Amino acid sequence: MPAELTKQLAEINAAVVVARTLAHAACAGSPEQFRRILDRSRYCQLVATRMGLPMSRVHILDLASWLSALPQNHEARKHMAEKYAIESLIEAGASSPIESVEGTIMAVVRAYQQAIESSPQAGADGEKLRTQIERLCAGCQTDTTRKAIRYLLRVLRDEAFILGSTPRSARILVVDPEEAVSPVLASFLIERGHEVRVVGDAETALNVLEQEAFELVLCELQMPFLDGIGLCRRLKEKPATASIPFVITTSSKSRNIQRKCLVEGAEDVLTKPVDTELLLLKMKTWLARVKRDESGEPSVAGSLSDVNFSDLVQLVTSAGRTMTIVMARGSEKGELGIANGEVVHAELGALTGEAAFYAFMKWKEGSFRAIRKTPDRRTINAPVMGLLMEGARLADEESAAQT
């Protein structure tokens, strides 16, 4: 990294530390207000990073977020706002003129916070939340605004999934002869953002489950050759599919049949026609159940094709969490340790410390399992942003050498 850029970033970071301290003091009597500013800073940084802004501009946006906690006549705010020419950025909102990408991001994040404060339930439905943010930003709708909203919603989705508060959209297998002909329930689930595969019989379902991974199976009770109870029994006998929630749908209201389904291992029995709103509520419970690794520690698994390594690191560290993240790609396996929002350990084969971290940054595919477990080693002492910037620089150099 050029010395001049390093000096510039160090100077901005020092200003951020001062602004954060002043914001903390200004919010001393209101923890909720400090939490609000902290979230503003975090989401602005995450969205800006995903939109590809240079690190210096990301830090300027962070500085503006913290300064927004201070009154306009505060001497330190006036000094920093003038020095970095960011007064308009500090005040950026949906009702004010937007002069930059950073200002757009600030306005979108503020609109999100306003939407959640006015209607706390808004966060449970991504499409409703999008609509509310777009309405609040109606006066500054541009392609950049829409892009910022899209990235913010992705950040919220990924954060909720990785940090364990709510499930992300799921891969669902629907096994039902009627749905194979007229996929009413499947279409409803697809409209709600889920990835759905429909098959018409149990034999096909068994073949599909051997080839693909699913997070939920919705299965009709009455089917030729092998019924829903039989399929449930077969899946519960196999270690690879035993933990998948299996839900039986049926037109029968017989309590004996429902009892038999539950005895055979079904998660639940839903009477047709399925109450779709009730289904969504129950799905939150089924899908949010935290998987556990062999040590019994709570964990959540995902794919690097959905959340790349850099975004994963930023989501966990920006939330100040403590986790051990197990990484896998084919036969390669490694581990990343994060303690109180700080990267403290990385290991991949014979590589440890920063070398392993930079190797993970090159992974474009693979899987991860985030375990709520304190890392037991320390091999890294560098700050998170420094690691990410150096990893990006090394990747750029390697890419340039190959062209």
Protein backbone atom coordinates (compact mmCIF):
# COMPACT_ATOMS: atom_id res chain seq x y z
CA MET A 1 0.00 0.00 0.00
CA PRO A 2 1.42 3.46 -0.91
CA ALA A 3 2.81 5.35 2.08
CA GLU A 4 0.62 8.37 1.33
CA LEU A 5 -2.57 6.29 1.38
CA THR A 6 -1.46 4.54 4.57
CA LYS A 7 -0.93 7.92 6.22
CA GLN A 8 -4.31 9.19 5.00
CA LEU A 9 -6.16 6.14 6.34
CA ALA A 10 -4.36 6.37 9.68
CA GLU A 11 -5.39 10.02 9.99
CA ILE A 12 -9.03 9.27 9.18
CA ASN A 13 -9.05 6.32 11.59
CA ALA A 14 -7.74 8.57 14.36
CA ALA A 15 -10.56 11.02 13.63
CA VAL A 16 -13.08 8.14 13.75
CA VAL A 17 -11.80 7.11 17.20
CA VAL A 18 -12.24 10.68 18.47
CA ALA A 19 -15.72 10.99 16.92
CA ARG A 20 -16.79 7.65 18.39
CA THR A 21 -15.64 8.74 21.86
CA LEU A 22 -17.50 12.04 21.56
CA ALA A 23 -20.63 10.25 20.32
CA HIS A 24 -20.49 7.89 23.28
CA ALA A 25 -20.30 10.86 25.65
CA ALA A 26 -23.13 12.66 23.86
CA CYS A 27 -25.35 9.57 24.18
CA ALA A 28 -24.38 8.83 27.80
CA GLY A 29 -27.94 9.28 29.02
CA SER A 30 -29.47 7.28 26.17
CA PRO A 31 -28.01 3.83 25.42
CA GLU A 32 -30.68 3.39 22.73
CA GLN A 33 -29.41 6.45 20.87
CA PHE A 34 -25.82 5.20 21.00
CA ARG A 35 -26.98 1.81 19.69
CA ARG A 36 -28.73 3.62 16.85
CA ILE A 37 -25.57 5.50 15.87
CA LEU A 38 -23.50 2.33 16.21
CA ASP A 39 -25.87 0.50 13.86
CA ARG A 40 -25.77 3.45 11.44
CA SER A 41 -21.98 3.29 11.36
CA ARG A 42 -21.96 -0.48 10.90
CA TYR A 43 -24.53 -0.66 8.11
CA CYS A 44 -23.01 2.30 6.27
CA GLN A 45 -19.62 0.56 6.30
CA LEU A 46 -21.00 -2.82 5.22
CA VAL A 47 -23.06 -1.38 2.36
CA ALA A 48 -20.22 0.88 1.20
CA THR A 49 -17.79 -2.03 1.16
CA ARG A 50 -20.17 -4.21 -0.86
CA MET A 51 -20.71 -1.37 -3.31
CA GLY A 52 -16.96 -1.29 -3.90
CA LEU A 53 -16.09 2.09 -2.42
CA PRO A 54 -12.36 2.66 -1.71
CA MET A 55 -11.41 2.14 1.93
CA SER A 56 -10.71 5.86 2.45
CA ARG A 57 -14.30 6.70 1.45
CA VAL A 58 -15.68 3.91 3.64
CA HIS A 59 -13.85 5.41 6.63
CA ILE A 60 -15.09 8.92 5.77
CA LEU A 61 -18.65 7.55 5.78
CA ASP A 62 -17.94 5.93 9.15
CA LEU A 63 -16.68 9.27 10.48
CA ALA A 64 -19.82 11.04 9.26
CA SER A 65 -21.99 8.41 10.97
CA TRP A 66 -20.39 9.06 14.36
CA LEU A 67 -20.44 12.84 13.93
CA SER A 68 -24.19 12.66 13.24
CA ALA A 69 -24.62 12.00 16.98
CA LEU A 70 -23.27 15.47 17.79
CA PRO A 71 -25.15 18.78 17.47
CA GLN A 72 -24.21 20.98 14.52
CA ASN A 73 -22.71 23.63 16.80
CA HIS A 74 -20.34 21.15 18.48
CA GLU A 75 -16.82 22.48 17.98
CA ALA A 76 -15.22 19.09 17.20
CA ARG A 77 -17.96 18.28 14.71
CA LYS A 78 -17.59 21.65 12.99
CA HIS A 79 -13.81 21.23 12.81
CA MET A 80 -13.91 17.68 11.36
CA ALA A 81 -16.79 18.47 9.02
CA GLU A 82 -14.86 21.40 7.60
CA LYS A 83 -11.54 19.54 7.41
CA TYR A 84 -13.02 16.59 5.47
CA ALA A 85 -15.82 18.57 3.74
CA ILE A 86 -18.52 16.20 5.00
CA GLU A 87 -21.21 18.39 6.57
CA SER A 88 -23.67 17.51 3.79
CA LEU A 89 -22.78 13.84 4.25
CA ILE A 90 -23.40 14.02 8.01
CA GLU A 91 -26.85 15.47 7.39
CA ALA A 92 -27.66 13.31 4.34
CA GLY A 93 -31.20 12.01 4.47
CA ALA A 94 -34.08 11.14 2.20
CA SER A 95 -35.39 14.72 2.37
CA SER A 96 -32.05 16.41 1.64
CA PRO A 97 -30.12 16.68 -1.65
CA ILE A 98 -27.84 13.70 -2.28
CA GLU A 99 -24.46 14.74 -3.65
CA SER A 100 -22.49 11.48 -3.58
CA VAL A 101 -22.64 7.71 -3.34
CA GLU A 102 -21.71 8.04 0.34
CA GLY A 103 -24.63 10.44 0.85
CA THR A 104 -26.98 7.99 -0.83
CA ILE A 105 -25.83 5.18 1.46
CA MET A 106 -26.28 7.39 4.53
CA ALA A 107 -29.79 8.37 3.38
CA VAL A 108 -30.79 4.75 2.74
CA VAL A 109 -29.49 3.54 6.10
CA ARG A 110 -31.31 6.38 7.87
CA ALA A 111 -34.51 5.50 5.99
CA TYR A 112 -34.11 1.88 7.13
CA GLN A 113 -33.70 2.99 10.74
CA GLN A 114 -36.77 5.21 10.46
CA ALA A 115 -38.80 2.34 8.99
CA ILE A 116 -37.80 -0.03 11.80
CA GLU A 117 -38.47 2.55 14.51
CA SER A 118 -41.94 3.35 13.18
CA SER A 119 -42.80 -0.31 12.60
CA PRO A 120 -40.54 -2.86 14.38
CA GLN A 121 -42.28 -5.73 12.54
CA ALA A 122 -41.11 -4.34 9.18
CA GLY A 123 -37.80 -6.16 9.43
CA ALA A 124 -39.51 -9.56 9.33
CA ASP A 125 -40.61 -9.14 5.70
CA GLY A 126 -37.89 -8.15 3.24
CA GLU A 127 -40.28 -6.98 0.52
CA LYS A 128 -42.34 -4.84 2.89
CA LEU A 129 -39.14 -3.35 4.28
CA ARG A 130 -37.91 -2.59 0.76
CA THR A 131 -41.21 -0.86 -0.03
CA GLN A 132 -41.02 1.27 3.13
CA ILE A 133 -37.42 2.32 2.47
CA GLU A 134 -38.24 3.17 -1.15
CA ARG A 135 -41.22 5.24 0.02
CA LEU A 136 -39.06 7.14 2.51
CA CYS A 137 -36.46 7.72 -0.24
CA ALA A 138 -39.06 8.71 -2.84
CA GLY A 139 -37.52 12.16 -3.18
CA CYS A 140 -34.07 10.85 -4.12
CA GLN A 141 -34.75 7.77 -6.24
CA THR A 142 -31.82 7.03 -8.56
CA ASP A 143 -30.09 3.89 -9.76
CA THR A 144 -27.55 4.41 -6.97
CA THR A 145 -30.35 4.62 -4.40
CA ARG A 146 -31.91 1.40 -5.64
CA LYS A 147 -28.50 -0.27 -5.62
CA ALA A 148 -27.83 0.87 -2.04
CA ILE A 149 -31.23 -0.43 -0.91
CA ARG A 150 -30.55 -3.77 -2.58
CA TYR A 151 -27.17 -4.12 -0.88
CA LEU A 152 -28.55 -3.06 2.51
CA LEU A 153 -31.25 -5.73 2.31
CA ARG A 154 -28.59 -8.32 1.44
CA VAL A 155 -26.50 -7.21 4.42
CA LEU A 156 -29.53 -7.52 6.72
CA ARG A 157 -30.37 -10.95 5.33
CA ASP A 158 -26.82 -12.26 5.65
CA GLU A 159 -26.38 -10.75 9.11
CA ALA A 160 -29.60 -12.32 10.37
CA PHE A 161 -28.58 -15.71 9.01
CA ILE A 162 -24.95 -15.72 10.19
CA LEU A 163 -25.62 -14.21 13.60
CA GLY A 164 -28.50 -16.59 14.16
CA SER A 165 -31.47 -14.27 14.65
CA THR A 166 -33.59 -15.40 11.68
CA PRO A 167 -33.25 -17.91 8.85
CA ARG A 168 -32.38 -16.89 5.31
CA SER A 169 -34.47 -18.09 2.40
CA ALA A 170 -34.48 -21.88 2.37
CA ARG A 171 -34.13 -24.72 -0.13
CA ILE A 172 -37.38 -26.65 0.11
CA LEU A 173 -38.36 -29.98 -1.44
CA VAL A 174 -42.10 -30.38 -2.06
CA VAL A 175 -43.19 -34.00 -2.58
CA ASP A 176 -46.77 -34.04 -3.82
CA PRO A 177 -48.44 -35.49 -6.97
CA GLU A 178 -50.88 -32.55 -7.10
CA GLU A 179 -48.15 -29.94 -6.73
CA ALA A 180 -46.20 -31.60 -9.55
CA VAL A 181 -49.17 -30.83 -11.83
CA SER A 182 -50.32 -27.52 -10.32
CA PRO A 183 -47.68 -26.06 -7.99
CA VAL A 184 -49.86 -23.72 -5.90
CA LEU A 185 -47.99 -24.06 -2.60
CA ALA A 186 -44.62 -24.16 -4.33
CA SER A 187 -45.42 -20.95 -6.22
CA PHE A 188 -46.35 -19.24 -2.96
CA LEU A 189 -43.03 -20.24 -1.38
CA ILE A 190 -41.07 -19.13 -4.45
CA GLU A 191 -42.80 -15.73 -4.30
CA ARG A 192 -41.59 -15.46 -0.70
CA GLY A 193 -37.99 -15.87 -1.85
CA HIS A 194 -37.44 -19.57 -1.20
CA GLU A 195 -35.80 -21.99 -3.62
CA VAL A 196 -38.27 -24.81 -4.25
CA ARG A 197 -38.00 -28.17 -6.03
CA VAL A 198 -41.22 -30.12 -6.71
CA VAL A 199 -41.40 -33.88 -7.32
CA GLY A 200 -44.45 -36.10 -7.62
CA ASP A 201 -43.48 -39.26 -5.74
CA ALA A 202 -41.31 -40.62 -2.93
CA GLU A 203 -38.89 -42.54 -5.16
CA THR A 204 -37.98 -39.39 -7.09
CA ALA A 205 -37.65 -37.54 -3.78
CA LEU A 206 -35.15 -40.11 -2.49
CA ASN A 207 -33.07 -39.79 -5.66
CA VAL A 208 -33.12 -35.98 -5.50
CA LEU A 209 -32.14 -35.97 -1.82
CA GLU A 210 -29.10 -38.10 -2.62
CA GLN A 211 -27.91 -35.45 -5.09
CA GLU A 212 -28.99 -32.16 -3.49
CA ALA A 213 -29.20 -30.60 -0.03
CA PHE A 214 -32.50 -29.26 1.33
CA GLU A 215 -33.46 -27.51 4.55
CA LEU A 216 -37.11 -28.56 4.62
CA VAL A 217 -39.29 -31.30 3.10
CA LEU A 218 -43.05 -30.75 2.64
CA CYS A 219 -44.66 -34.06 1.72
CA GLU A 220 -48.19 -35.20 0.90
CA LEU A 221 -49.33 -38.17 2.99
CA GLN A 222 -51.14 -40.14 0.26
CA MET A 223 -48.81 -41.23 -2.57
CA PRO A 224 -48.49 -44.42 -4.65
CA PHE A 225 -45.95 -47.13 -3.73
CA LEU A 226 -44.43 -45.25 -0.77
CA ASP A 227 -46.55 -42.79 1.21
CA GLY A 228 -45.46 -39.75 3.21
CA ILE A 229 -44.99 -41.69 6.43
CA GLY A 230 -42.85 -44.27 4.63
CA LEU A 231 -40.68 -41.56 3.06
CA CYS A 232 -40.31 -39.85 6.43
CA ARG A 233 -39.21 -43.13 8.02
CA ARG A 234 -36.65 -43.74 5.25
CA LEU A 235 -35.14 -40.26 5.61
CA LYS A 236 -34.94 -40.44 9.40
CA GLU A 237 -32.98 -43.70 9.10
CA LYS A 238 -30.22 -42.00 7.09
CA PRO A 239 -27.70 -39.81 8.96
CA ALA A 240 -27.41 -37.46 5.96
CA THR A 241 -31.13 -36.61 5.96
CA ALA A 242 -32.24 -37.39 9.53
CA SER A 243 -31.98 -33.77 10.68
CA ILE A 244 -34.01 -32.24 7.81
CA PRO A 245 -37.41 -31.06 9.13
CA PHE A 246 -40.06 -33.27 7.50
CA VAL A 247 -43.61 -31.89 7.38
CA ILE A 248 -46.59 -33.92 6.17
CA THR A 249 -49.57 -32.34 4.41
CA THR A 250 -52.89 -34.16 4.22
CA SER A 251 -56.59 -33.63 3.56
CA SER A 252 -57.38 -36.03 6.40
CA LYS A 253 -58.41 -34.57 9.76
CA SER A 254 -57.99 -37.89 11.56
CA ARG A 255 -56.13 -37.43 14.83
CA ASN A 256 -54.92 -41.03 14.68
CA ILE A 257 -53.23 -40.39 11.33
CA GLN A 258 -51.70 -37.15 12.60
CA ARG A 259 -50.45 -38.93 15.70
CA LYS A 260 -48.89 -41.69 13.58
CA CYS A 261 -47.10 -39.11 11.42
CA LEU A 262 -45.58 -37.47 14.48
CA VAL A 263 -44.56 -40.81 16.00
CA GLU A 264 -42.69 -41.66 12.79
CA GLY A 265 -40.64 -38.47 13.10
CA ALA A 266 -42.59 -35.82 11.19
CA GLU A 267 -41.94 -32.30 12.42
CA ASP A 268 -45.58 -31.36 12.00
CA VAL A 269 -48.78 -32.23 10.14
CA LEU A 270 -50.60 -29.54 8.15
CA THR A 271 -54.20 -29.95 6.99
CA LYS A 272 -54.98 -29.10 3.36
CA PRO A 273 -55.68 -26.56 2.06
CA VAL A 274 -52.55 -25.36 3.82
CA ASP A 275 -52.87 -22.08 5.71
CA THR A 276 -49.95 -20.28 4.06
CA GLU A 277 -49.55 -17.61 6.75
CA LEU A 278 -49.45 -20.29 9.44
CA LEU A 279 -46.93 -22.20 7.33
CA LEU A 280 -44.63 -19.16 7.17
CA LEU A 281 -44.82 -18.70 10.93
CA LYS A 282 -43.99 -22.34 11.55
CA MET A 283 -41.18 -22.26 8.99
CA LYS A 284 -39.44 -19.58 11.04
CA THR A 285 -39.31 -22.05 13.93
CA TRP A 286 -38.24 -25.03 11.83
CA LEU A 287 -35.55 -23.19 9.90
CA ALA A 288 -34.23 -21.09 12.77
CA ARG A 289 -33.38 -24.12 14.88
CA VAL A 290 -29.66 -23.88 15.23
CA LYS A 291 -27.63 -26.82 14.01
CA ARG A 292 -24.99 -28.14 16.36
CA ASP A 293 -21.55 -29.42 15.55
CA GLU A 294 -19.94 -32.48 17.09
CA SER A 295 -18.87 -30.55 20.20
CA GLY A 296 -22.45 -29.51 20.91
CA GLU A 297 -21.73 -25.83 20.28
CA PRO A 298 -24.47 -23.86 18.46
CA SER A 299 -23.56 -23.26 14.83
CA VAL A 300 -24.93 -22.11 11.51
CA ALA A 301 -23.75 -23.27 8.09
CA GLY A 302 -23.64 -21.53 4.73
CA SER A 303 -21.97 -21.34 1.33
CA LEU A 304 -19.31 -18.91 0.11
CA SER A 305 -21.32 -18.59 -3.09
CA ASP A 306 -23.99 -16.84 -0.98
CA VAL A 307 -21.74 -14.88 1.40
CA ASN A 308 -18.12 -14.38 0.33
CA PHE A 309 -15.27 -14.61 2.83
CA SER A 310 -14.67 -10.86 3.18
CA ASP A 311 -18.36 -10.14 3.76
CA LEU A 312 -18.55 -12.98 6.27
CA VAL A 313 -15.62 -11.56 8.25
CA GLN A 314 -17.04 -8.04 8.21
CA LEU A 315 -20.51 -9.15 9.30
CA VAL A 316 -19.18 -11.01 12.34
CA THR A 317 -16.50 -8.51 13.36
CA SER A 318 -18.67 -5.41 12.91
CA ALA A 319 -21.22 -6.96 15.29
CA GLY A 320 -18.48 -7.53 17.87
CA ARG A 321 -19.18 -11.27 18.02
CA THR A 322 -17.04 -14.17 19.21
CA MET A 323 -17.04 -17.16 16.86
CA THR A 324 -14.96 -19.94 15.40
CA ILE A 325 -15.65 -20.33 11.68
CA VAL A 326 -14.82 -23.70 10.14
CA MET A 327 -13.98 -23.36 6.44
CA ALA A 328 -14.12 -26.17 3.87
CA ARG A 329 -13.45 -26.45 0.14
CA GLY A 330 -13.28 -29.96 -1.23
CA SER A 331 -10.64 -31.80 0.80
CA GLU A 332 -9.27 -28.52 2.24
CA LYS A 333 -10.36 -27.59 5.74
CA GLY A 334 -9.39 -24.67 7.92
CA GLU A 335 -10.48 -22.45 10.76
CA LEU A 336 -10.92 -18.74 11.46
CA GLY A 337 -11.13 -17.42 15.02
CA ILE A 338 -12.88 -14.15 15.92
CA ALA A 339 -13.02 -12.81 19.49
CA ASN A 340 -15.08 -9.75 20.43
CA GLY A 341 -15.09 -8.54 16.84
CA GLU A 342 -11.35 -9.02 16.32
CA VAL A 343 -9.75 -11.62 14.03
CA VAL A 344 -7.31 -13.50 16.27
CA HIS A 345 -6.57 -16.77 14.48
CA ALA A 346 -6.54 -18.41 11.05
CA GLU A 347 -5.36 -21.85 10.05
CA LEU A 348 -5.44 -23.68 6.72
CA GLY A 349 -3.36 -26.82 6.33
CA ALA A 350 0.25 -25.87 7.07
CA LEU A 351 -0.58 -22.14 6.95
CA THR A 352 -1.38 -20.17 10.10
CA GLY A 353 -1.98 -16.54 11.00
CA GLU A 354 -2.16 -13.89 8.29
CA ALA A 355 -0.94 -16.27 5.58
CA ALA A 356 -3.95 -18.52 6.19
CA PHE A 357 -6.30 -15.52 6.29
CA TYR A 358 -5.05 -14.28 2.91
CA ALA A 359 -5.42 -17.79 1.49
CA PHE A 360 -9.08 -17.85 2.59
CA MET A 361 -9.65 -14.52 0.83
CA LYS A 362 -8.84 -16.22 -2.48
CA TRP A 363 -11.60 -18.81 -2.04
CA LYS A 364 -14.49 -18.16 -4.41
CA GLU A 365 -16.37 -21.32 -3.48
CA GLY A 366 -16.65 -23.61 -0.50
CA SER A 367 -18.66 -23.71 2.72
CA PHE A 368 -18.45 -22.37 6.24
CA ARG A 369 -19.85 -23.28 9.64
CA ALA A 370 -19.91 -20.46 12.19
CA ILE A 371 -19.74 -21.87 15.71
CA ARG A 372 -20.40 -19.83 18.83
CA LYS A 373 -17.15 -20.90 20.39
CA THR A 374 -14.25 -18.81 21.71
CA PRO A 375 -11.02 -19.34 19.70
CA ASP A 376 -8.33 -21.08 21.77
CA ARG A 377 -5.33 -19.69 19.86
CA ARG A 378 -3.98 -16.30 18.82
CA THR A 379 -1.91 -16.13 15.64
CA ILE A 380 -3.08 -12.73 14.31
CA ASN A 381 -2.62 -9.27 15.81
CA ALA A 382 -3.48 -7.05 12.83
CA PRO A 383 -6.73 -5.01 12.66
CA VAL A 384 -9.59 -6.39 10.57
CA MET A 385 -9.56 -3.63 7.94
CA GLY A 386 -5.80 -3.94 7.60
CA LEU A 387 -6.14 -7.67 6.94
CA LEU A 388 -8.87 -7.17 4.34
CA MET A 389 -7.00 -4.39 2.57
CA GLU A 390 -3.74 -6.33 2.46
CA GLY A 391 -5.56 -9.44 1.24
CA ALA A 392 -7.19 -7.42 -1.54
CA ARG A 393 -3.82 -5.93 -2.50
CA LEU A 394 -2.21 -9.38 -2.70
CA ALA A 395 -5.10 -10.65 -4.81
CA ASP A 396 -4.73 -7.68 -7.18
CA GLU A 397 -0.99 -8.31 -7.52
CA GLU A 398 -1.57 -11.99 -8.25
CA SER A 399 -4.25 -11.14 -10.82
CA ALA A 400 -1.97 -8.60 -12.51
CA ALA A 401 0.89 -11.12 -12.65
CA GLN A 402 -1.35 -13.63 -14.43
CA THR A 403 -2.39 -11.18 -17.17
